[in-house]
Protein backbone atom coordinates (compact mmCIF):
# COMPACT_ATOMS: atom_id res chain seq x y z
CA UNK A 1 0.32 -80.00 27.21
CA UNK A 2 -0.14 -80.09 23.43
CA UNK A 3 -1.54 -83.61 23.63
CA UNK A 4 -4.13 -82.45 26.18
CA UNK A 5 -5.50 -79.99 23.62
CA UNK A 6 -6.40 -82.97 21.44
CA UNK A 7 -7.69 -85.33 24.11
CA UNK A 8 -9.26 -83.51 27.07
CA UNK A 9 -12.40 -82.18 25.42
CA UNK A 10 -13.21 -85.31 23.37
CA UNK A 11 -12.77 -87.39 26.53
CA UNK A 12 -15.03 -84.98 28.46
CA UNK A 13 -17.83 -85.58 25.94
CA UNK A 14 -17.17 -89.33 25.90
CA UNK A 15 -15.70 -89.46 22.39
CA UNK A 16 -12.43 -90.49 20.86
CA UNK A 17 -10.49 -87.87 18.94
CA UNK A 18 -11.66 -89.39 15.64
CA UNK A 19 -15.31 -89.45 16.72
CA UNK A 20 -15.11 -85.84 17.88
CA UNK A 21 -13.42 -84.80 14.66
CA UNK A 22 -16.23 -86.32 12.61
CA UNK A 23 -19.01 -84.75 14.65
CA UNK A 24 -17.37 -81.33 14.80
CA UNK A 25 -16.52 -81.35 11.09
CA UNK A 26 -20.11 -82.27 10.16
CA UNK A 27 -21.45 -79.50 12.40
CA UNK A 28 -19.00 -77.01 10.92
CA UNK A 29 -19.85 -77.86 7.33
CA UNK A 30 -23.58 -77.72 8.11
CA UNK A 31 -23.15 -74.28 9.65
CA UNK A 32 -21.12 -73.03 6.69
CA UNK A 33 -23.87 -74.23 4.33
CA UNK A 34 -26.54 -72.58 6.47
CA UNK A 35 -24.50 -69.38 6.63
CA UNK A 36 -24.18 -69.22 2.86
CA UNK A 37 -27.93 -69.85 2.55
CA UNK A 38 -28.57 -67.00 5.00
CA UNK A 39 -26.38 -64.64 2.97
CA UNK A 40 -28.27 -65.57 -0.20
CA UNK A 41 -31.53 -65.13 1.71
CA UNK A 42 -30.42 -61.64 2.73
CA UNK A 43 -30.16 -60.68 -0.95
CA UNK A 44 -33.18 -62.66 -2.21
CA UNK A 45 -35.61 -63.02 0.72
CA UNK A 46 -37.80 -65.52 -1.12
CA UNK A 47 -35.14 -68.25 -1.13
CA UNK A 48 -33.77 -70.31 1.76
CA UNK A 49 -36.51 -68.88 3.98
CA UNK A 50 -36.04 -71.37 6.82
CA UNK A 51 -32.67 -72.96 6.01
CA UNK A 52 -30.70 -71.18 8.74
CA UNK A 53 -33.17 -71.79 11.55
CA UNK A 54 -33.88 -75.35 10.37
CA UNK A 55 -30.17 -76.14 10.44
CA UNK A 56 -29.68 -74.66 13.91
CA UNK A 57 -32.67 -76.61 15.26
CA UNK A 58 -31.48 -79.86 13.66
CA UNK A 59 -27.94 -79.46 14.92
CA UNK A 60 -29.13 -78.63 18.44
CA UNK A 61 -31.38 -81.70 18.44
CA UNK A 62 -28.55 -83.87 17.11
CA UNK A 63 -26.18 -82.53 19.77
CA UNK A 64 -28.62 -83.16 22.62
CA UNK A 65 -29.44 -86.69 21.40
CA UNK A 66 -25.75 -87.46 20.84
CA UNK A 67 -24.95 -86.27 24.37
CA UNK A 68 -27.74 -88.40 25.87
CA UNK A 69 -26.57 -91.44 23.94
CA UNK A 70 -22.96 -90.96 25.04
CA UNK A 71 -24.01 -90.49 28.68
CA UNK A 72 -26.12 -93.68 28.55
CA UNK A 73 -23.14 -95.60 27.16
CA UNK A 74 -20.90 -94.11 29.84
CA UNK A 75 -23.37 -95.07 32.58
CA UNK A 76 -23.63 -98.62 31.22
CA UNK A 77 -19.84 -98.96 31.17
CA UNK A 78 -19.64 -97.75 34.76
CA UNK A 79 -22.24 -100.23 36.01
């Protein structure tokens, strides 16, 4: 059961554990950076005006493109 916690989700998104770790860690660090920028923006509204929304948009786009790429690879392997 413990092993499934490390393999089921990466497999479901067509990634190895290491690939998933890298993607998730990059997303997490990007969100932490954006969150800090948003907190600074809350105090000084003239700085980091679009950092939070820009980060969310970029990460969403990256996630969608990554998913499409993985699905194409999966379809090619199945054919």
